[in-house]
Protein backbone atom coordinates (compact mmCIF):
# COMPACT_ATOMS: atom_id res chain seq x y z
CA UNK A 1 0.00 0.00 0.00
CA UNK A 2 1.61 3.29 -1.05
CA UNK A 3 1.66 6.30 1.23
CA UNK A 4 2.95 9.86 0.98
CA UNK A 5 3.66 12.40 3.67
CA UNK A 6 4.34 16.13 3.69
CA UNK A 7 6.28 18.15 6.29
CA UNK A 8 8.18 15.31 7.96
CA UNK A 9 11.29 17.52 7.82
CA UNK A 10 9.90 19.35 10.87
CA UNK A 11 9.66 16.11 12.85
CA UNK A 12 13.25 15.00 12.23
CA UNK A 13 15.14 18.07 11.02
CA UNK A 14 18.42 17.49 9.20
CA UNK A 15 21.59 19.48 8.84
CA UNK A 16 22.81 20.47 5.38
CA UNK A 17 24.98 17.33 5.25
CA UNK A 18 21.87 15.16 5.68
CA UNK A 19 22.59 14.10 9.27
CA UNK A 20 19.75 14.36 11.75
CA UNK A 21 19.98 17.31 14.11
CA UNK A 22 18.46 15.20 16.86
CA UNK A 23 17.29 11.61 17.17
CA UNK A 24 14.35 12.75 19.29
CA UNK A 25 11.33 13.54 17.10
CA UNK A 26 10.22 17.18 17.38
CA UNK A 27 6.60 18.01 18.19
CA UNK A 28 4.46 20.95 17.17
CA UNK A 29 4.48 20.15 13.45
CA UNK A 30 1.60 19.63 11.08
CA UNK A 31 2.20 16.55 8.95
CA UNK A 32 -0.05 15.41 6.13
CA UNK A 33 -0.31 11.70 5.41
CA UNK A 34 -2.14 10.22 2.44
CA UNK A 35 -2.59 6.47 2.05
CA UNK A 36 -3.30 5.11 -1.40
CA UNK A 37 -5.03 2.04 -2.68
CA UNK A 38 -3.32 -1.32 -2.75
CA UNK A 39 -1.17 -1.78 -5.84
CA UNK A 40 -1.63 -5.07 -7.69
CA UNK A 41 0.97 -6.79 -9.82
CA UNK A 42 -0.85 -10.00 -10.67
CA UNK A 43 -1.41 -8.91 -14.27
CA UNK A 44 2.29 -8.20 -14.78
CA UNK A 45 3.37 -11.48 -13.19
CA UNK A 46 0.78 -13.51 -15.11
CA UNK A 47 1.84 -11.90 -18.39
CA UNK A 48 5.50 -12.59 -17.62
CA UNK A 49 4.85 -16.22 -16.66
CA UNK A 50 2.76 -16.82 -19.81
CA UNK A 51 5.68 -15.66 -21.95
CA UNK A 52 8.68 -16.89 -19.94
CA UNK A 53 7.51 -19.57 -17.51
CA UNK A 54 7.16 -19.56 -13.75
CA UNK A 55 9.18 -17.08 -11.73
CA UNK A 56 11.83 -18.50 -9.43
CA UNK A 57 10.65 -18.33 -5.82
CA UNK A 58 13.05 -17.38 -3.05
CA UNK A 59 13.47 -20.05 -0.38
CA UNK A 60 14.44 -19.34 3.21
CA UNK A 61 17.05 -22.10 3.00
CA UNK A 62 18.24 -22.37 -0.61
CA UNK A 63 19.68 -25.68 -1.70
CA UNK A 64 23.45 -26.01 -2.02
CA UNK A 65 24.74 -23.99 -4.95
CA UNK A 66 21.36 -22.41 -5.65
CA UNK A 67 21.67 -18.67 -6.25
CA UNK A 68 19.24 -16.03 -7.24
CA UNK A 69 20.29 -14.50 -10.54
CA UNK A 70 17.63 -12.55 -12.37
CA UNK A 71 17.26 -13.03 -16.10
CA UNK A 72 16.93 -10.05 -18.44
CA UNK A 73 13.21 -10.82 -18.77
CA UNK A 74 12.81 -10.80 -14.98
CA UNK A 75 14.64 -7.48 -14.78
CA UNK A 76 12.15 -6.07 -17.27
CA UNK A 77 9.31 -7.34 -15.07
CA UNK A 78 10.90 -5.72 -12.00
CA UNK A 79 11.17 -2.46 -13.92
CA UNK A 80 7.45 -2.59 -14.77
CA UNK A 81 6.63 -3.24 -11.09
CA UNK A 82 8.82 -0.34 -9.93
CA UNK A 83 7.28 1.99 -12.51
CA UNK A 84 3.80 1.08 -11.28
CA UNK A 85 4.82 1.80 -7.68
CA UNK A 86 6.50 5.03 -8.72
CA UNK A 87 3.37 6.14 -10.59
CA UNK A 88 1.16 5.49 -7.57
CA UNK A 89 3.54 7.42 -5.31
CA UNK A 90 3.74 10.37 -7.71
CA UNK A 91 -0.07 10.49 -7.88
CA UNK A 92 -0.29 10.54 -4.07
CA UNK A 93 2.35 13.27 -3.93
CA UNK A 94 0.39 15.42 -6.41
CA UNK A 95 -2.85 14.86 -4.48
CA UNK A 96 -1.15 15.68 -1.18
CA UNK A 97 0.38 18.89 -2.49
CA UNK A 98 -2.90 19.96 -4.12
CA UNK A 99 -4.87 19.26 -0.94
CA UNK A 100 -2.21 20.96 1.19
CA UNK A 101 -2.42 24.05 -1.05
CA UNK A 102 -6.21 24.06 -0.72
CA UNK A 103 -5.89 23.87 3.07
CA UNK A 104 -3.48 26.82 3.07
CA UNK A 105 -5.81 28.86 0.83
CA UNK A 106 -8.82 27.99 3.02
CA UNK A 107 -6.87 28.89 6.16
CA UNK A 108 -5.93 32.28 4.71
CA UNK A 109 -9.55 32.89 3.69
CA UNK A 110 -10.73 32.13 7.24
CA UNK A 111 -8.07 34.40 8.75
CA UNK A 112 -9.15 37.20 6.41
CA UNK A 113 -12.81 36.73 7.43
CA UNK A 114 -11.87 36.78 11.13
CA UNK A 115 -9.81 39.95 10.62
CA UNK A 116 -12.68 41.62 8.75
CA UNK A 117 -15.09 40.61 11.50
CA UNK A 118 -12.74 41.98 14.19
CA UNK A 119 -12.34 45.23 12.24
CA UNK A 120 -16.16 45.59 12.04
CA UNK A 121 -16.49 44.92 15.78
CA UNK A 122 -13.91 47.62 16.54
CA UNK A 123 -15.79 50.16 14.40
CA UNK A 124 -19.07 49.39 16.20
CA UNK A 125 -17.46 49.70 19.65
C-alpha atoms as a PDB file:
ATOM      1  CA  UNK A   1       0.000   0.000   0.000  1.00  0.00           C
ATOM      2  CA  UNK A   2       1.607   3.291  -1.050  1.00  0.00           C
ATOM      3  CA  UNK A   3       1.656   6.300   1.228  1.00  0.00           C
ATOM      4  CA  UNK A   4       2.948   9.858   0.980  1.00  0.00           C
ATOM      5  CA  UNK A   5       3.660  12.402   3.671  1.00  0.00           C
ATOM      6  CA  UNK A   6       4.340  16.134   3.686  1.00  0.00           C
ATOM      7  CA  UNK A   7       6.282  18.147   6.289  1.00  0.00           C
ATOM      8  CA  UNK A   8       8.185  15.313   7.956  1.00  0.00           C
ATOM      9  CA  UNK A   9      11.285  17.521   7.822  1.00  0.00           C
ATOM     10  CA  UNK A  10       9.901  19.348  10.867  1.00  0.00           C
ATOM     11  CA  UNK A  11       9.661  16.113  12.849  1.00  0.00           C
ATOM     12  CA  UNK A  12      13.251  14.998  12.226  1.00  0.00           C
ATOM     13  CA  UNK A  13      15.143  18.069  11.016  1.00  0.00           C
ATOM     14  CA  UNK A  14      18.424  17.486   9.201  1.00  0.00           C
ATOM     15  CA  UNK A  15      21.589  19.484   8.838  1.00  0.00           C
ATOM     16  CA  UNK A  16      22.807  20.470   5.376  1.00  0.00           C
ATOM     17  CA  UNK A  17      24.980  17.334   5.249  1.00  0.00           C
ATOM     18  CA  UNK A  18      21.867  15.164   5.681  1.00  0.00           C
ATOM     19  CA  UNK A  19      22.594  14.102   9.269  1.00  0.00           C
ATOM     20  CA  UNK A  20      19.746  14.355  11.754  1.00  0.00           C
ATOM     21  CA  UNK A  21      19.982  17.314  14.113  1.00  0.00           C
ATOM     22  CA  UNK A  22      18.462  15.203  16.856  1.00  0.00           C
ATOM     23  CA  UNK A  23      17.292  11.613  17.174  1.00  0.00           C
ATOM     24  CA  UNK A  24      14.351  12.752  19.289  1.00  0.00           C
ATOM     25  CA  UNK A  25      11.327  13.540  17.104  1.00  0.00           C
ATOM     26  CA  UNK A  26      10.217  17.180  17.383  1.00  0.00           C
ATOM     27  CA  UNK A  27       6.604  18.009  18.188  1.00  0.00           C
ATOM     28  CA  UNK A  28       4.457  20.948  17.166  1.00  0.00           C
ATOM     29  CA  UNK A  29       4.482  20.150  13.447  1.00  0.00           C
ATOM     30  CA  UNK A  30       1.600  19.634  11.077  1.00  0.00           C
ATOM     31  CA  UNK A  31       2.195  16.547   8.954  1.00  0.00           C
ATOM     32  CA  UNK A  32      -0.048  15.407   6.126  1.00  0.00           C
ATOM     33  CA  UNK A  33      -0.310  11.701   5.409  1.00  0.00           C
ATOM     34  CA  UNK A  34      -2.137  10.222   2.440  1.00  0.00           C
ATOM     35  CA  UNK A  35      -2.585   6.470   2.053  1.00  0.00           C
ATOM     36  CA  UNK A  36      -3.302   5.114  -1.401  1.00  0.00           C
ATOM     37  CA  UNK A  37      -5.032   2.044  -2.682  1.00  0.00           C
ATOM     38  CA  UNK A  38      -3.318  -1.318  -2.751  1.00  0.00           C
ATOM     39  CA  UNK A  39      -1.169  -1.784  -5.843  1.00  0.00           C
ATOM     40  CA  UNK A  40      -1.628  -5.065  -7.690  1.00  0.00           C
ATOM     41  CA  UNK A  41       0.971  -6.790  -9.816  1.00  0.00           C
ATOM     42  CA  UNK A  42      -0.849 -10.004 -10.674  1.00  0.00           C
ATOM     43  CA  UNK A  43      -1.415  -8.915 -14.273  1.00  0.00           C
ATOM     44  CA  UNK A  44       2.294  -8.196 -14.779  1.00  0.00           C
ATOM     45  CA  UNK A  45       3.372 -11.478 -13.192  1.00  0.00           C
ATOM     46  CA  UNK A  46       0.782 -13.513 -15.113  1.00  0.00           C
ATOM     47  CA  UNK A  47       1.843 -11.904 -18.391  1.00  0.00           C
ATOM     48  CA  UNK A  48       5.499 -12.594 -17.619  1.00  0.00           C
ATOM     49  CA  UNK A  49       4.848 -16.225 -16.657  1.00  0.00           C
ATOM     50  CA  UNK A  50       2.762 -16.822 -19.815  1.00  0.00           C
ATOM     51  CA  UNK A  51       5.681 -15.658 -21.952  1.00  0.00           C
ATOM     52  CA  UNK A  52       8.677 -16.888 -19.943  1.00  0.00           C
ATOM     53  CA  UNK A  53       7.510 -19.573 -17.512  1.00  0.00           C
ATOM     54  CA  UNK A  54       7.158 -19.557 -13.746  1.00  0.00           C
ATOM     55  CA  UNK A  55       9.176 -17.083 -11.725  1.00  0.00           C
ATOM     56  CA  UNK A  56      11.828 -18.496  -9.433  1.00  0.00           C
ATOM     57  CA  UNK A  57      10.651 -18.328  -5.820  1.00  0.00           C
ATOM     58  CA  UNK A  58      13.054 -17.383  -3.052  1.00  0.00           C
ATOM     59  CA  UNK A  59      13.465 -20.052  -0.375  1.00  0.00           C
ATOM     60  CA  UNK A  60      14.440 -19.340   3.209  1.00  0.00           C
ATOM     61  CA  UNK A  61      17.046 -22.103   3.001  1.00  0.00           C
ATOM     62  CA  UNK A  62      18.235 -22.368  -0.609  1.00  0.00           C
ATOM     63  CA  UNK A  63      19.677 -25.680  -1.704  1.00  0.00           C
ATOM     64  CA  UNK A  64      23.447 -26.012  -2.021  1.00  0.00           C
ATOM     65  CA  UNK A  65      24.744 -23.994  -4.950  1.00  0.00           C
ATOM     66  CA  UNK A  66      21.362 -22.413  -5.653  1.00  0.00           C
ATOM     67  CA  UNK A  67      21.665 -18.674  -6.252  1.00  0.00           C
ATOM     68  CA  UNK A  68      19.243 -16.026  -7.240  1.00  0.00           C
ATOM     69  CA  UNK A  69      20.290 -14.498 -10.536  1.00  0.00           C
ATOM     70  CA  UNK A  70      17.630 -12.549 -12.367  1.00  0.00           C
ATOM     71  CA  UNK A  71      17.258 -13.033 -16.098  1.00  0.00           C
ATOM     72  CA  UNK A  72      16.928 -10.049 -18.435  1.00  0.00           C
ATOM     73  CA  UNK A  73      13.211 -10.824 -18.766  1.00  0.00           C
ATOM     74  CA  UNK A  74      12.814 -10.800 -14.980  1.00  0.00           C
ATOM     75  CA  UNK A  75      14.642  -7.478 -14.783  1.00  0.00           C
ATOM     76  CA  UNK A  76      12.151  -6.067 -17.267  1.00  0.00           C
ATOM     77  CA  UNK A  77       9.312  -7.344 -15.067  1.00  0.00           C
ATOM     78  CA  UNK A  78      10.900  -5.720 -11.996  1.00  0.00           C
ATOM     79  CA  UNK A  79      11.165  -2.456 -13.924  1.00  0.00           C
ATOM     80  CA  UNK A  80       7.445  -2.591 -14.767  1.00  0.00           C
ATOM     81  CA  UNK A  81       6.630  -3.238 -11.093  1.00  0.00           C
ATOM     82  CA  UNK A  82       8.822  -0.344  -9.929  1.00  0.00           C
ATOM     83  CA  UNK A  83       7.283   1.995 -12.514  1.00  0.00           C
ATOM     84  CA  UNK A  84       3.797   1.083 -11.284  1.00  0.00           C
ATOM     85  CA  UNK A  85       4.820   1.796  -7.675  1.00  0.00           C
ATOM     86  CA  UNK A  86       6.499   5.034  -8.722  1.00  0.00           C
ATOM     87  CA  UNK A  87       3.372   6.145 -10.592  1.00  0.00           C
ATOM     88  CA  UNK A  88       1.159   5.490  -7.567  1.00  0.00           C
ATOM     89  CA  UNK A  89       3.543   7.420  -5.307  1.00  0.00           C
ATOM     90  CA  UNK A  90       3.736  10.372  -7.710  1.00  0.00           C
ATOM     91  CA  UNK A  91      -0.068  10.495  -7.877  1.00  0.00           C
ATOM     92  CA  UNK A  92      -0.288  10.536  -4.072  1.00  0.00           C
ATOM     93  CA  UNK A  93       2.351  13.269  -3.927  1.00  0.00           C
ATOM     94  CA  UNK A  94       0.390  15.417  -6.409  1.00  0.00           C
ATOM     95  CA  UNK A  95      -2.853  14.858  -4.482  1.00  0.00           C
ATOM     96  CA  UNK A  96      -1.148  15.680  -1.177  1.00  0.00           C
ATOM     97  CA  UNK A  97       0.384  18.889  -2.487  1.00  0.00           C
ATOM     98  CA  UNK A  98      -2.899  19.957  -4.118  1.00  0.00           C
ATOM     99  CA  UNK A  99      -4.871  19.261  -0.941  1.00  0.00           C
ATOM    100  CA  UNK A 100      -2.212  20.961   1.192  1.00  0.00           C
ATOM    101  CA  UNK A 101      -2.422  24.048  -1.049  1.00  0.00           C
ATOM    102  CA  UNK A 102      -6.206  24.057  -0.718  1.00  0.00           C
ATOM    103  CA  UNK A 103      -5.889  23.870   3.072  1.00  0.00           C
ATOM    104  CA  UNK A 104      -3.481  26.822   3.069  1.00  0.00           C
ATOM    105  CA  UNK A 105      -5.809  28.857   0.829  1.00  0.00           C
ATOM    106  CA  UNK A 106      -8.816  27.992   3.019  1.00  0.00           C
ATOM    107  CA  UNK A 107      -6.866  28.892   6.160  1.00  0.00           C
ATOM    108  CA  UNK A 108      -5.926  32.281   4.709  1.00  0.00           C
ATOM    109  CA  UNK A 109      -9.548  32.889   3.693  1.00  0.00           C
ATOM    110  CA  UNK A 110     -10.735  32.127   7.239  1.00  0.00           C
ATOM    111  CA  UNK A 111      -8.075  34.396   8.753  1.00  0.00           C
ATOM    112  CA  UNK A 112      -9.148  37.202   6.408  1.00  0.00           C
ATOM    113  CA  UNK A 113     -12.806  36.729   7.432  1.00  0.00           C
ATOM    114  CA  UNK A 114     -11.870  36.778  11.131  1.00  0.00           C
ATOM    115  CA  UNK A 115      -9.812  39.950  10.620  1.00  0.00           C
ATOM    116  CA  UNK A 116     -12.680  41.618   8.754  1.00  0.00           C
ATOM    117  CA  UNK A 117     -15.094  40.612  11.505  1.00  0.00           C
ATOM    118  CA  UNK A 118     -12.741  41.982  14.193  1.00  0.00           C
ATOM    119  CA  UNK A 119     -12.345  45.230  12.240  1.00  0.00           C
ATOM    120  CA  UNK A 120     -16.161  45.592  12.040  1.00  0.00           C
ATOM    121  CA  UNK A 121     -16.493  44.920  15.776  1.00  0.00           C
ATOM    122  CA  UNK A 122     -13.912  47.622  16.543  1.00  0.00           C
ATOM    123  CA  UNK A 123     -15.789  50.157  14.405  1.00  0.00           C
ATOM    124  CA  UNK A 124     -19.066  49.389  16.196  1.00  0.00           C
ATOM    125  CA  UNK A 125     -17.458  49.703  19.653  1.00  0.00           C
END
